[in-house]
Structure formats: C-alpha cells, structure tokens
Amino acid sequence: MTKRNQAVGAYGERCALRHLIATGLRPVDRNWRCSAGEIDIVAWDGDVLAFCEVKTRRNEAFGTPAEAIVPTKARRLRGLAVRWLAATGTSAAELRFDVLSVRLAAAGPARVEHVKGAF
C-alpha cells in the first residue's frame, strides 16, 4: 500500500469516526490489530456492540466502497470480532457488523454512508 493510499484510508477513518459520534455511537476501540488482521472501529450503539469496517474511495473505478466487503472479508471480520471480545473481556447482548463507505469529493466534505448490519 502506498503512503498516499494509507493517508486516504486514515482520513476516511477519521471521517467515519466523526460520523459515528455525530449519530450517537460511542467508540471504544480503533484500529485494533492481531495476527489475523485489523478491526477499524468498535463502537456501542445503545446496548449493541458494532464492529465497523471503513472503506474509502476517491472514485468508483474499482467499485463502490461497500462492494469491497466480499464474503471472505466478512468471515474474517467476524473472526476478528470474536478475538477482540476475548482479548478485551467485553460482552454484549447483541453484536452487529457495519460498513461505513466514505467517498471523497474533489471539493467539499467527504460523504459517509453508514450501513448498519451490513453482514
């Protein structure tokens, strides 16, 4: 991954985090890593624990941001959630997997679309 792509991804995650906070979610972890991968954002939405995957795009030449979540990626994220729960000792009555699509504009603010329960 190039430094430019890393910067775009980091900016997208900051936009997504601001969106989550503005809509009332309470972030508890960001960029949690283990040997199996990374969880972008973990946040409480009331008593529901949401594991959020953030996808950022400058354009749609490679499809929409949400289209990047293929079944293999969804399975890996579910496994990461189990690892996060075990590592942190957290429990929740309900878990949810969300996707935040961040589209960067040539001018003006980025657009964030939050799909709750995406997979």
PDB file of N, CA and C in Angstrom:
ATOM      1  N   MET A   1       0.847  -1.178   0.000  1.00  0.00           N
ATOM      2  CA  MET A   1       0.000   0.000   0.000  1.00  0.00           C
ATOM      3  C   MET A   1       0.890   1.238   0.000  1.00  0.00           C
ATOM      4  N   THR A   2       0.569   2.189  -0.848  1.00  0.00           N
ATOM      5  CA  THR A   2       1.362   3.408  -0.929  1.00  0.00           C
ATOM      6  C   THR A   2       1.034   4.337   0.237  1.00  0.00           C
ATOM      7  N   LYS A   3       1.925   5.275   0.481  1.00  0.00           N
ATOM      8  CA  LYS A   3       1.686   6.255   1.544  1.00  0.00           C
ATOM      9  C   LYS A   3       0.439   7.078   1.248  1.00  0.00           C
ATOM     10  N   ARG A   4       0.204   7.350  -0.036  1.00  0.00           N
ATOM     11  CA  ARG A   4      -0.990   8.118  -0.399  1.00  0.00           C
ATOM     12  C   ARG A   4      -2.251   7.326  -0.051  1.00  0.00           C
ATOM     13  N   ASN A   5      -2.274   6.044  -0.384  1.00  0.00           N
ATOM     14  CA  ASN A   5      -3.432   5.216  -0.058  1.00  0.00           C
ATOM     15  C   ASN A   5      -3.623   5.107   1.448  1.00  0.00           C
ATOM     16  N   GLN A   6      -2.518   5.008   2.192  1.00  0.00           N
ATOM     17  CA  GLN A   6      -2.623   4.972   3.651  1.00  0.00           C
ATOM     18  C   GLN A   6      -3.209   6.268   4.181  1.00  0.00           C
ATOM     19  N   ALA A   7      -2.789   7.385   3.617  1.00  0.00           N
ATOM     20  CA  ALA A   7      -3.300   8.683   4.058  1.00  0.00           C
ATOM     21  C   ALA A   7      -4.787   8.810   3.736  1.00  0.00           C
ATOM     22  N   VAL A   8      -5.190   8.362   2.555  1.00  0.00           N
ATOM     23  CA  VAL A   8      -6.603   8.404   2.184  1.00  0.00           C
ATOM     24  C   VAL A   8      -7.415   7.538   3.140  1.00  0.00           C
ATOM     25  N   GLY A   9      -6.925   6.337   3.436  1.00  0.00           N
ATOM     26  CA  GLY A   9      -7.618   5.436   4.360  1.00  0.00           C
ATOM     27  C   GLY A   9      -7.732   6.021   5.753  1.00  0.00           C
ATOM     28  N   ALA A  10      -6.653   6.622   6.238  1.00  0.00           N
ATOM     29  CA  ALA A  10      -6.668   7.231   7.578  1.00  0.00           C
ATOM     30  C   ALA A  10      -7.656   8.399   7.622  1.00  0.00           C
ATOM     31  N   TYR A  11      -7.686   9.204   6.564  1.00  0.00           N
ATOM     32  CA  TYR A  11      -8.635  10.314   6.505  1.00  0.00           C
ATOM     33  C   TYR A  11     -10.070   9.782   6.507  1.00  0.00           C
ATOM     34  N   GLY A  12     -10.321   8.748   5.723  1.00  0.00           N
ATOM     35  CA  GLY A  12     -11.648   8.137   5.674  1.00  0.00           C
ATOM     36  C   GLY A  12     -12.082   7.617   7.027  1.00  0.00           C
ATOM     37  N   GLU A  13     -11.160   7.013   7.769  1.00  0.00           N
ATOM     38  CA  GLU A  13     -11.494   6.514   9.104  1.00  0.00           C
ATOM     39  C   GLU A  13     -11.820   7.655  10.056  1.00  0.00           C
ATOM     40  N   ARG A  14     -11.114   8.762   9.944  1.00  0.00           N
ATOM     41  CA  ARG A  14     -11.433   9.923  10.786  1.00  0.00           C
ATOM     42  C   ARG A  14     -12.817  10.472  10.445  1.00  0.00           C
ATOM     43  N   CYS A  15     -13.143  10.529   9.148  1.00  0.00           N
ATOM     44  CA  CYS A  15     -14.482  10.984   8.728  1.00  0.00           C
ATOM     45  C   CYS A  15     -15.555  10.039   9.274  1.00  0.00           C
ATOM     46  N   ALA A  16     -15.310   8.741   9.167  1.00  0.00           N
ATOM     47  CA  ALA A  16     -16.267   7.747   9.653  1.00  0.00           C
ATOM     48  C   ALA A  16     -16.448   7.864  11.161  1.00  0.00           C
ATOM     49  N   LEU A  17     -15.360   8.058  11.886  1.00  0.00           N
ATOM     50  CA  LEU A  17     -15.439   8.187  13.341  1.00  0.00           C
ATOM     51  C   LEU A  17     -16.272   9.416  13.724  1.00  0.00           C
ATOM     52  N   ARG A  18     -16.033  10.529  13.054  1.00  0.00           N
ATOM     53  CA  ARG A  18     -16.824  11.741  13.328  1.00  0.00           C
ATOM     54  C   ARG A  18     -18.304  11.489  13.052  1.00  0.00           C
ATOM     55  N   HIS A  19     -18.592  10.770  11.966  1.00  0.00           N
ATOM     56  CA  HIS A  19     -19.973  10.446  11.625  1.00  0.00           C
ATOM     57  C   HIS A  19     -20.616   9.594  12.716  1.00  0.00           C
ATOM     58  N   LEU A  20     -19.902   8.574  13.177  1.00  0.00           N
ATOM     59  CA  LEU A  20     -20.447   7.700  14.220  1.00  0.00           C
ATOM     60  C   LEU A  20     -20.762   8.485  15.489  1.00  0.00           C
ATOM     61  N   ILE A  21     -19.834   9.316  15.902  1.00  0.00           N
ATOM     62  CA  ILE A  21     -20.028  10.121  17.110  1.00  0.00           C
ATOM     63  C   ILE A  21     -21.210  11.075  16.929  1.00  0.00           C
ATOM     64  N   ALA A  22     -21.302  11.700  15.764  1.00  0.00           N
ATOM     65  CA  ALA A  22     -22.393  12.649  15.488  1.00  0.00           C
ATOM     66  C   ALA A  22     -23.755  11.966  15.499  1.00  0.00           C
ATOM     67  N   THR A  23     -23.786  10.669  15.191  1.00  0.00           N
ATOM     68  CA  THR A  23     -25.063   9.948  15.166  1.00  0.00           C
ATOM     69  C   THR A  23     -25.319   9.185  16.461  1.00  0.00           C
ATOM     70  N   GLY A  24     -24.486   9.448  17.482  1.00  0.00           N
ATOM     71  CA  GLY A  24     -24.767   8.919  18.806  1.00  0.00           C
ATOM     72  C   GLY A  24     -24.067   7.629  19.201  1.00  0.00           C
ATOM     73  N   LEU A  25     -23.212   7.091  18.345  1.00  0.00           N
ATOM     74  CA  LEU A  25     -22.474   5.890  18.743  1.00  0.00           C
ATOM     75  C   LEU A  25     -21.309   6.290  19.635  1.00  0.00           C
ATOM     76  N   ARG A  26     -20.891   5.360  20.501  1.00  0.00           N
ATOM     77  CA  ARG A  26     -19.787   5.612  21.427  1.00  0.00           C
ATOM     78  C   ARG A  26     -18.616   4.701  21.078  1.00  0.00           C
ATOM     79  N   PRO A  27     -17.591   5.235  20.405  1.00  0.00           N
ATOM     80  CA  PRO A  27     -16.431   4.412  20.039  1.00  0.00           C
ATOM     81  C   PRO A  27     -15.685   3.927  21.277  1.00  0.00           C
ATOM     82  N   VAL A  28     -15.248   2.665  21.229  1.00  0.00           N
ATOM     83  CA  VAL A  28     -14.467   2.112  22.337  1.00  0.00           C
ATOM     84  C   VAL A  28     -13.096   1.624  21.884  1.00  0.00           C
ATOM     85  N   ASP A  29     -12.913   1.431  20.581  1.00  0.00           N
ATOM     86  CA  ASP A  29     -11.608   0.981  20.084  1.00  0.00           C
ATOM     87  C   ASP A  29     -11.474   1.364  18.620  1.00  0.00           C
ATOM     88  N   ARG A  30     -10.231   1.603  18.224  1.00  0.00           N
ATOM     89  CA  ARG A  30      -9.908   1.950  16.833  1.00  0.00           C
ATOM     90  C   ARG A  30      -8.673   1.210  16.411  1.00  0.00           C
ATOM     91  N   ASN A  31      -8.680   0.736  15.173  1.00  0.00           N
ATOM     92  CA  ASN A  31      -7.515   0.092  14.571  1.00  0.00           C
ATOM     93  C   ASN A  31      -6.924  -1.001  15.454  1.00  0.00           C
ATOM     94  N   TRP A  32      -7.808  -1.834  16.015  1.00  0.00           N
ATOM     95  CA  TRP A  32      -7.361  -2.956  16.846  1.00  0.00           C
ATOM     96  C   TRP A  32      -6.764  -4.014  15.932  1.00  0.00           C
ATOM     97  N   ARG A  33      -5.554  -4.457  16.278  1.00  0.00           N
ATOM     98  CA  ARG A  33      -4.842  -5.415  15.439  1.00  0.00           C
ATOM     99  C   ARG A  33      -4.474  -6.671  16.219  1.00  0.00           C
ATOM    100  N   CYS A  34      -4.487  -7.774  15.478  1.00  0.00           N
ATOM    101  CA  CYS A  34      -3.939  -9.031  15.971  1.00  0.00           C
ATOM    102  C   CYS A  34      -3.322  -9.728  14.765  1.00  0.00           C
ATOM    103  N   SER A  35      -2.837 -10.933  14.958  1.00  0.00           N
ATOM    104  CA  SER A  35      -2.169 -11.632  13.863  1.00  0.00           C
ATOM    105  C   SER A  35      -3.095 -11.940  12.689  1.00  0.00           C
ATOM    106  N   ALA A  36      -4.404 -11.937  12.916  1.00  0.00           N
ATOM    107  CA  ALA A  36      -5.371 -12.272  11.861  1.00  0.00           C
ATOM    108  C   ALA A  36      -5.852 -11.049  11.079  1.00  0.00           C
ATOM    109  N   GLY A  37      -5.539  -9.843  11.562  1.00  0.00           N
ATOM    110  CA  GLY A  37      -5.988  -8.655  10.842  1.00  0.00           C
ATOM    111  C   GLY A  37      -6.318  -7.497  11.752  1.00  0.00           C
ATOM    112  N   GLU A  38      -7.168  -6.616  11.263  1.00  0.00           N
ATOM    113  CA  GLU A  38      -7.484  -5.373  11.962  1.00  0.00           C
ATOM    114  C   GLU A  38      -8.980  -5.084  11.920  1.00  0.00           C
ATOM    115  N   ILE A  39      -9.472  -4.544  13.028  1.00  0.00           N
ATOM    116  CA  ILE A  39     -10.835  -4.013  13.098  1.00  0.00           C
ATOM    117  C   ILE A  39     -10.694  -2.497  13.097  1.00  0.00           C
ATOM    118  N   ASP A  40     -11.397  -1.836  12.179  1.00  0.00           N
ATOM    119  CA  ASP A  40     -11.260  -0.386  12.062  1.00  0.00           C
ATOM    120  C   ASP A  40     -11.816   0.348  13.271  1.00  0.00           C
ATOM    121  N   ILE A  41     -13.090   0.099  13.601  1.00  0.00           N
ATOM    122  CA  ILE A  41     -13.727   0.807  14.717  1.00  0.00           C
ATOM    123  C   ILE A  41     -14.682  -0.144  15.428  1.00  0.00           C
ATOM    124  N   VAL A  42     -14.663  -0.112  16.754  1.00  0.00           N
ATOM    125  CA  VAL A  42     -15.639  -0.823  17.573  1.00  0.00           C
ATOM    126  C   VAL A  42     -16.385   0.255  18.357  1.00  0.00           C
ATOM    127  N   ALA A  43     -17.717   0.213  18.319  1.00  0.00           N
ATOM    128  CA  ALA A  43     -18.496   1.269  18.976  1.00  0.00           C
ATOM    129  C   ALA A  43     -19.798   0.710  19.535  1.00  0.00           C
ATOM    130  N   TRP A  44     -20.235   1.295  20.642  1.00  0.00           N
ATOM    131  CA  TRP A  44     -21.544   0.959  21.214  1.00  0.00           C
ATOM    132  C   TRP A  44     -22.612   1.800  20.540  1.00  0.00           C
ATOM    133  N   ASP A  45     -23.684   1.157  20.143  1.00  0.00           N
ATOM    134  CA  ASP A  45     -24.881   1.832  19.642  1.00  0.00           C
ATOM    135  C   ASP A  45     -25.994   1.413  20.591  1.00  0.00           C
ATOM    136  N   GLY A  46     -26.145   2.177  21.677  1.00  0.00           N
ATOM    137  CA  GLY A  46     -27.031   1.742  22.759  1.00  0.00           C
ATOM    138  C   GLY A  46     -26.393   0.523  23.417  1.00  0.00           C
ATOM    139  N   ASP A  47     -27.133  -0.589  23.477  1.00  0.00           N
ATOM    140  CA  ASP A  47     -26.568  -1.809  24.069  1.00  0.00           C
ATOM    141  C   ASP A  47     -26.088  -2.788  23.007  1.00  0.00           C
ATOM    142  N   VAL A  48     -25.993  -2.332  21.762  1.00  0.00           N
ATOM    143  CA  VAL A  48     -25.490  -3.145  20.650  1.00  0.00           C
ATOM    144  C   VAL A  48     -24.036  -2.772  20.408  1.00  0.00           C
ATOM    145  N   LEU A  49     -23.169  -3.786  20.314  1.00  0.00           N
ATOM    146  CA  LEU A  49     -21.768  -3.545  20.022  1.00  0.00           C
ATOM    147  C   LEU A  49     -21.563  -3.697  18.516  1.00  0.00           C
ATOM    148  N   ALA A  50     -21.137  -2.611  17.884  1.00  0.00           N
ATOM    149  CA  ALA A  50     -20.968  -2.594  16.430  1.00  0.00           C
ATOM    150  C   ALA A  50     -19.490  -2.667  16.066  1.00  0.00           C
ATOM    151  N   PHE A  51     -19.167  -3.609  15.196  1.00  0.00           N
ATOM    152  CA  PHE A  51     -17.831  -3.731  14.623  1.00  0.00           C
ATOM    153  C   PHE A  51     -17.919  -3.093  13.241  1.00  0.00           C
ATOM    154  N   CYS A  52     -17.168  -2.017  13.052  1.00  0.00           N
ATOM    155  CA  CYS A  52     -17.322  -1.191  11.859  1.00  0.00           C
ATOM    156  C   CYS A  52     -16.118  -1.304  10.934  1.00  0.00           C
ATOM    157  N   GLU A  53     -16.392  -1.632   9.695  1.00  0.00           N
ATOM    158  CA  GLU A  53     -15.378  -1.664   8.650  1.00  0.00           C
ATOM    159  C   GLU A  53     -15.544  -0.393   7.827  1.00  0.00           C
ATOM    160  N   VAL A  54     -14.445   0.313   7.635  1.00  0.00           N
ATOM    161  CA  VAL A  54     -14.471   1.573   6.894  1.00  0.00           C
ATOM    162  C   VAL A  54     -13.783   1.360   5.547  1.00  0.00           C
ATOM    163  N   LYS A  55     -14.459   1.762   4.490  1.00  0.00           N
ATOM    164  CA  LYS A  55     -13.892   1.683   3.143  1.00  0.00           C
ATOM    165  C   LYS A  55     -13.976   3.069   2.525  1.00  0.00           C
ATOM    166  N   THR A  56     -12.838   3.554   2.045  1.00  0.00           N
ATOM    167  CA  THR A  56     -12.759   4.891   1.483  1.00  0.00           C
ATOM    168  C   THR A  56     -12.355   4.809   0.024  1.00  0.00           C
ATOM    169  N   ARG A  57     -12.986   5.615  -0.798  1.00  0.00           N
ATOM    170  CA  ARG A  57     -12.673   5.658  -2.222  1.00  0.00           C
ATOM    171  C   ARG A  57     -12.599   7.105  -2.699  1.00  0.00           C
ATOM    172  N   ARG A  58     -11.634   7.360  -3.584  1.00  0.00           N
ATOM    173  CA  ARG A  58     -11.539   8.672  -4.249  1.00  0.00           C
ATOM    174  C   ARG A  58     -12.458   8.704  -5.453  1.00  0.00           C
ATOM    175  N   ASN A  59     -12.665   7.524  -6.066  1.00  0.00           N
ATOM    176  CA  ASN A  59     -13.572   7.406  -7.204  1.00  0.00           C
ATOM    177  C   ASN A  59     -14.099   5.973  -7.211  1.00  0.00           C
ATOM    178  N   GLU A  60     -14.946   5.656  -8.123  1.00  0.00           N
ATOM    179  CA  GLU A  60     -15.546   4.318  -8.140  1.00  0.00           C
ATOM    180  C   GLU A  60     -15.006   3.458  -9.282  1.00  0.00           C
ATOM    181  N   ALA A  61     -13.770   3.720  -9.691  1.00  0.00           N
ATOM    182  CA  ALA A  61     -13.147   2.942 -10.758  1.00  0.00           C
ATOM    183  C   ALA A  61     -13.052   1.464 -10.379  1.00  0.00           C
ATOM    184  N   PHE A  62     -12.931   1.183  -9.094  1.00  0.00           N
ATOM    185  CA  PHE A  62     -12.847  -0.200  -8.610  1.00  0.00           C
ATOM    186  C   PHE A  62     -14.117  -0.613  -7.880  1.00  0.00           C
ATOM    187  N   GLY A  63     -15.216   0.079  -8.144  1.00  0.00           N
ATOM    188  CA  GLY A  63     -16.487  -0.224  -7.496  1.00  0.00           C
ATOM    189  C   GLY A  63     -16.734   0.680  -6.308  1.00  0.00           C
ATOM    190  N   THR A  64     -17.905   0.524  -5.714  1.00  0.00           N
ATOM    191  CA  THR A  64     -18.245   1.331  -4.546  1.00  0.00           C
ATOM    192  C   THR A  64     -17.467   0.823  -3.340  1.00  0.00           C
ATOM    193  N   PRO A  65     -17.327   1.637  -2.321  1.00  0.00           N
ATOM    194  CA  PRO A  65     -16.606   1.186  -1.136  1.00  0.00           C
ATOM    195  C   PRO A  65     -17.206  -0.084  -0.523  1.00  0.00           C
ATOM    196  N   ALA A  66     -18.522  -0.146  -0.425  1.00  0.00           N
ATOM    197  CA  ALA A  66     -19.174  -1.306   0.198  1.00  0.00           C
ATOM    198  C   ALA A  66     -18.960  -2.588  -0.600  1.00  0.00           C
ATOM    199  N   GLU A  67     -18.771  -2.476  -1.902  1.00  0.00           N
ATOM    200  CA  GLU A  67     -18.545  -3.660  -2.737  1.00  0.00           C
ATOM    201  C   GLU A  67     -17.225  -4.359  -2.409  1.00  0.00           C
ATOM    202  N   ALA A  68     -16.352  -3.684  -1.687  1.00  0.00           N
ATOM    203  CA  ALA A  68     -15.074  -4.285  -1.297  1.00  0.00           C
ATOM    204  C   ALA A  68     -15.245  -5.318  -0.188  1.00  0.00           C
ATOM    205  N   ILE A  69     -16.416  -5.370   0.436  1.00  0.00           N
ATOM    206  CA  ILE A  69     -16.668  -6.341   1.501  1.00  0.00           C
ATOM    207  C   ILE A  69     -17.232  -7.609   0.861  1.00  0.00           C
ATOM    208  N   VAL A  70     -16.328  -8.492   0.498  1.00  0.00           N
ATOM    209  CA  VAL A  70     -16.705  -9.774  -0.115  1.00  0.00           C
ATOM    210  C   VAL A  70     -16.921 -10.793   1.003  1.00  0.00           C
ATOM    211  N   PRO A  71     -17.562 -11.936   0.720  1.00  0.00           N
ATOM    212  CA  PRO A  71     -17.834 -12.923   1.780  1.00  0.00           C
ATOM    213  C   PRO A  71     -16.606 -13.342   2.583  1.00  0.00           C
ATOM    214  N   THR A  72     -15.464 -13.479   1.933  1.00  0.00           N
ATOM    215  CA  THR A  72     -14.240 -13.859   2.646  1.00  0.00           C
ATOM    216  C   THR A  72     -13.867 -12.802   3.680  1.00  0.00           C
ATOM    217  N   LYS A  73     -13.969 -11.535   3.288  1.00  0.00           N
ATOM    218  CA  LYS A  73     -13.651 -10.432   4.202  1.00  0.00           C
ATOM    219  C   LYS A  73     -14.642 -10.410   5.371  1.00  0.00           C
ATOM    220  N   ALA A  74     -15.919 -10.634   5.098  1.00  0.00           N
ATOM    221  CA  ALA A  74     -16.936 -10.646   6.155  1.00  0.00           C
ATOM    222  C   ALA A  74     -16.641 -11.762   7.162  1.00  0.00           C
ATOM    223  N   ARG A  75     -16.277 -12.944   6.674  1.00  0.00           N
ATOM    224  CA  ARG A  75     -15.935 -14.054   7.592  1.00  0.00           C
ATOM    225  C   ARG A  75     -14.730 -13.705   8.459  1.00  0.00           C
ATOM    226  N   ARG A  76     -13.726 -13.095   7.845  1.00  0.00           N
ATOM    227  CA  ARG A  76     -12.532 -12.718   8.599  1.00  0.00           C
ATOM    228  C   ARG A  76     -12.881 -11.688   9.669  1.00  0.00           C
ATOM    229  N   LEU A  77     -13.736 -10.723   9.342  1.00  0.00           N
ATOM    230  CA  LEU A  77     -14.128  -9.712  10.324  1.00  0.00           C
ATOM    231  C   LEU A  77     -14.913 -10.320  11.478  1.00  0.00           C
ATOM    232  N   ARG A  78     -15.751 -11.308  11.191  1.00  0.00           N
ATOM    233  CA  ARG A  78     -16.467 -11.994  12.288  1.00  0.00           C
ATOM    234  C   ARG A  78     -15.473 -12.682  13.218  1.00  0.00           C
ATOM    235  N   GLY A  79     -14.477 -13.332  12.643  1.00  0.00           N
ATOM    236  CA  GLY A  79     -13.452 -13.976  13.461  1.00  0.00           C
ATOM    237  C   GLY A  79     -12.654 -12.978  14.276  1.00  0.00           C
ATOM    238  N   LEU A  80     -12.347 -11.832  13.687  1.00  0.00           N
ATOM    239  CA  LEU A  80     -11.640 -10.782  14.420  1.00  0.00           C
ATOM    240  C   LEU A  80     -12.480 -10.282  15.588  1.00  0.00           C
ATOM    241  N   ALA A  81     -13.790 -10.178  15.383  1.00  0.00           N
ATOM    242  CA  ALA A  81     -14.672  -9.728  16.462  1.00  0.00           C
ATOM    243  C   ALA A  81     -14.614 -10.694  17.643  1.00  0.00           C
ATOM    244  N   VAL A  82     -14.614 -11.984  17.359  1.00  0.00           N
ATOM    245  CA  VAL A  82     -14.506 -12.985  18.433  1.00  0.00           C
ATOM    246  C   VAL A  82     -13.193 -12.805  19.182  1.00  0.00           C
ATOM    247  N   ARG A  83     -12.113 -12.586  18.447  1.00  0.00           N
ATOM    248  CA  ARG A  83     -10.807 -12.369  19.090  1.00  0.00           C
ATOM    249  C   ARG A  83     -10.813 -11.097  19.933  1.00  0.00           C
ATOM    250  N   TRP A  84     -11.431 -10.021  19.414  1.00  0.00           N
ATOM    251  CA  TRP A  84     -11.486  -8.767  20.159  1.00  0.00           C
ATOM    252  C   TRP A  84     -12.258  -8.955  21.455  1.00  0.00           C
ATOM    253  N   LEU A  85     -13.398  -9.625  21.388  1.00  0.00           N
ATOM    254  CA  LEU A  85     -14.207  -9.871  22.583  1.00  0.00           C
ATOM    255  C   LEU A  85     -13.403 -10.639  23.626  1.00  0.00           C
ATOM    256  N   ALA A  86     -12.683 -11.664  23.187  1.00  0.00           N
ATOM    257  CA  ALA A  86     -11.879 -12.470  24.114  1.00  0.00           C
ATOM    258  C   ALA A  86     -10.732 -11.645  24.690  1.00  0.00           C
ATOM    259  N   ALA A  87     -10.078 -10.873  23.863  1.00  0.00           N
ATOM    260  CA  ALA A  87      -8.921 -10.095  24.309  1.00  0.00           C
ATOM    261  C   ALA A  87      -9.302  -8.987  25.281  1.00  0.00           C
ATOM    262  N   THR A  88     -10.480  -8.419  25.105  1.00  0.00           N
ATOM    263  CA  THR A  88     -10.883  -7.289  25.943  1.00  0.00           C
ATOM    264  C   THR A  88     -11.778  -7.698  27.108  1.00  0.00           C
ATOM    265  N   GLY A  89     -12.278  -8.937  27.066  1.00  0.00           N
ATOM    266  CA  GLY A  89     -13.192  -9.375  28.120  1.00  0.00           C
ATOM    267  C   GLY A  89     -14.551  -8.700  28.037  1.00  0.00           C
ATOM    268  N   THR A  90     -14.880  -8.161  26.891  1.00  0.00           N
ATOM    269  CA  THR A  90     -16.151  -7.456  26.691  1.00  0.00           C
ATOM    270  C   THR A  90     -17.244  -8.448  26.332  1.00  0.00           C
ATOM    271  N   SER A  91     -18.442  -8.187  26.803  1.00  0.00           N
ATOM    272  CA  SER A  91     -19.593  -8.986  26.390  1.00  0.00           C
ATOM    273  C   SER A  91     -20.715  -8.024  26.006  1.00  0.00           C
ATOM    274  N   ALA A  92     -21.563  -8.494  25.117  1.00  0.00           N
ATOM    275  CA  ALA A  92     -22.685  -7.679  24.665  1.00  0.00           C
ATOM    276  C   ALA A  92     -23.853  -8.596  24.361  1.00  0.00           C
ATOM    277  N   ALA A  93     -25.045  -8.098  24.613  1.00  0.00           N
ATOM    278  CA  ALA A  93     -26.242  -8.880  24.318  1.00  0.00           C
ATOM    279  C   ALA A  93     -26.416  -9.061  22.818  1.00  0.00           C
ATOM    280  N   GLU A  94     -25.963  -8.072  22.043  1.00  0.00           N
ATOM    281  CA  GLU A  94     -26.114  -8.143  20.589  1.00  0.00           C
ATOM    282  C   GLU A  94     -24.884  -7.560  19.907  1.00  0.00           C
ATOM    283  N   LEU A  95     -24.430  -8.234  18.857  1.00  0.00           N
ATOM    284  CA  LEU A  95     -23.319  -7.760  18.038  1.00  0.00           C
ATOM    285  C   LEU A  95     -23.857  -7.400  16.664  1.00  0.00           C
ATOM    286  N   ARG A  96     -23.185  -6.432  16.039  1.00  0.00           N
ATOM    287  CA  ARG A  96     -23.599  -6.018  14.709  1.00  0.00           C
ATOM    288  C   ARG A  96     -22.351  -5.696  13.893  1.00  0.00           C
ATOM    289  N   PHE A  97     -22.423  -5.933  12.604  1.00  0.00           N
ATOM    290  CA  PHE A  97     -21.311  -5.641  11.707  1.00  0.00           C
ATOM    291  C   PHE A  97     -21.764  -4.589  10.705  1.00  0.00           C
ATOM    292  N   ASP A  98     -21.124  -3.431  10.782  1.00  0.00           N
ATOM    293  CA  ASP A  98     -21.493  -2.286   9.953  1.00  0.00           C
ATOM    294  C   ASP A  98     -20.402  -1.987   8.939  1.00  0.00           C
ATOM    295  N   VAL A  99     -20.803  -1.327   7.863  1.00  0.00           N
ATOM    296  CA  VAL A  99     -19.854  -0.832   6.867  1.00  0.00           C
ATOM    297  C   VAL A  99     -20.089   0.664   6.718  1.00  0.00           C
ATOM    298  N   LEU A 100     -18.999   1.407   6.790  1.00  0.00           N
ATOM    299  CA  LEU A 100     -19.060   2.841   6.536  1.00  0.00           C
ATOM    300  C   LEU A 100     -18.313   3.105   5.236  1.00  0.00           C
ATOM    301  N   SER A 101     -19.057   3.569   4.240  1.00  0.00           N
ATOM    302  CA  SER A 101     -18.485   3.906   2.936  1.00  0.00           C
ATOM    303  C   SER A 101     -18.191   5.387   2.926  1.00  0.00           C
ATOM    304  N   VAL A 102     -16.943   5.732   2.670  1.00  0.00           N
ATOM    305  CA  VAL A 102     -16.539   7.133   2.625  1.00  0.00           C
ATOM    306  C   VAL A 102     -16.123   7.438   1.188  1.00  0.00           C
ATOM    307  N   ARG A 103     -16.809   8.397   0.604  1.00  0.00           N
ATOM    308  CA  ARG A 103     -16.486   8.827  -0.758  1.00  0.00           C
ATOM    309  C   ARG A 103     -15.906  10.229  -0.688  1.00  0.00           C
ATOM    310  N   LEU A 104     -14.692  10.363  -1.182  1.00  0.00           N
ATOM    311  CA  LEU A 104     -14.040  11.657  -1.165  1.00  0.00           C
ATOM    312  C   LEU A 104     -14.494  12.470  -2.358  1.00  0.00           C
ATOM    313  N   ALA A 105     -14.739  13.744  -2.132  1.00  0.00           N
ATOM    314  CA  ALA A 105     -15.173  14.650  -3.188  1.00  0.00           C
ATOM    315  C   ALA A 105     -13.971  15.447  -3.683  1.00  0.00           C
ATOM    316  N   ALA A 106     -14.035  15.867  -4.943  1.00  0.00           N
ATOM    317  CA  ALA A 106     -12.969  16.704  -5.484  1.00  0.00           C
ATOM    318  C   ALA A 106     -12.890  18.021  -4.707  1.00  0.00           C
ATOM    319  N   ALA A 107     -14.046  18.494  -4.270  1.00  0.00           N
ATOM    320  CA  ALA A 107     -14.116  19.707  -3.456  1.00  0.00           C
ATOM    321  C   ALA A 107     -15.224  19.503  -2.437  1.00  0.00           C
ATOM    322  N   GLY A 108     -15.004  20.005  -1.258  1.00  0.00           N
ATOM    323  CA  GLY A 108     -16.023  19.887  -0.219  1.00  0.00           C
ATOM    324  C   GLY A 108     -15.799  18.665   0.652  1.00  0.00           C
ATOM    325  N   PRO A 109     -16.730  18.449   1.565  1.00  0.00           N
ATOM    326  CA  PRO A 109     -16.563  17.364   2.537  1.00  0.00           C
ATOM    327  C   PRO A 109     -16.798  15.983   1.917  1.00  0.00           C
ATOM    328  N   ALA A 110     -16.228  14.991   2.552  1.00  0.00           N
ATOM    329  CA  ALA A 110     -16.448  13.598   2.149  1.00  0.00           C
ATOM    330  C   ALA A 110     -17.876  13.210   2.486  1.00  0.00           C
ATOM    331  N   ARG A 111     -18.421  12.253   1.742  1.00  0.00           N
ATOM    332  CA  ARG A 111     -19.770  11.721   2.018  1.00  0.00           C
ATOM    333  C   ARG A 111     -19.610  10.388   2.717  1.00  0.00           C
ATOM    334  N   VAL A 112     -20.312  10.224   3.816  1.00  0.00           N
ATOM    335  CA  VAL A 112     -20.251   8.986   4.590  1.00  0.00           C
ATOM    336  C   VAL A 112     -21.616   8.314   4.552  1.00  0.00           C
ATOM    337  N   GLU A 113     -21.620   7.052   4.172  1.00  0.00           N
ATOM    338  CA  GLU A 113     -22.836   6.237   4.197  1.00  0.00           C
ATOM    339  C   GLU A 113     -22.608   5.113   5.209  1.00  0.00           C
ATOM    340  N   HIS A 114     -23.522   4.991   6.161  1.00  0.00           N
ATOM    341  CA  HIS A 114     -23.396   4.002   7.241  1.00  0.00           C
ATOM    342  C   HIS A 114     -24.444   2.933   7.031  1.00  0.00           C
ATOM    343  N   VAL A 115     -24.000   1.729   6.727  1.00  0.00           N
ATOM    344  CA  VAL A 115     -24.905   0.597   6.552  1.00  0.00           C
ATOM    345  C   VAL A 115     -24.815  -0.245   7.817  1.00  0.00           C
ATOM    346  N   LYS A 116     -25.864  -0.199   8.631  1.00  0.00           N
ATOM    347  CA  LYS A 116     -25.903  -0.983   9.869  1.00  0.00           C
ATOM    348  C   LYS A 116     -26.320  -2.413   9.546  1.00  0.00           C
ATOM    349  N   GLY A 117     -25.639  -3.365  10.181  1.00  0.00           N
ATOM    350  CA  GLY A 117     -25.972  -4.764   9.948  1.00  0.00           C
ATOM    351  C   GLY A 117     -25.721  -5.178   8.510  1.00  0.00           C
ATOM    352  N   ALA A 118     -24.618  -4.745   7.954  1.00  0.00           N
ATOM    353  CA  ALA A 118     -24.314  -4.987   6.545  1.00  0.00           C
ATOM    354  C   ALA A 118     -24.080  -6.471   6.238  1.00  0.00           C
ATOM    355  N   PHE A 119     -23.570  -7.200   7.225  1.00  0.00           N
ATOM    356  CA  PHE A 119     -23.314  -8.625   7.015  1.00  0.00           C
ATOM    357  C   PHE A 119     -23.368  -9.357   8.314  1.00  0.00           C
TER     358      PHE A 119
END
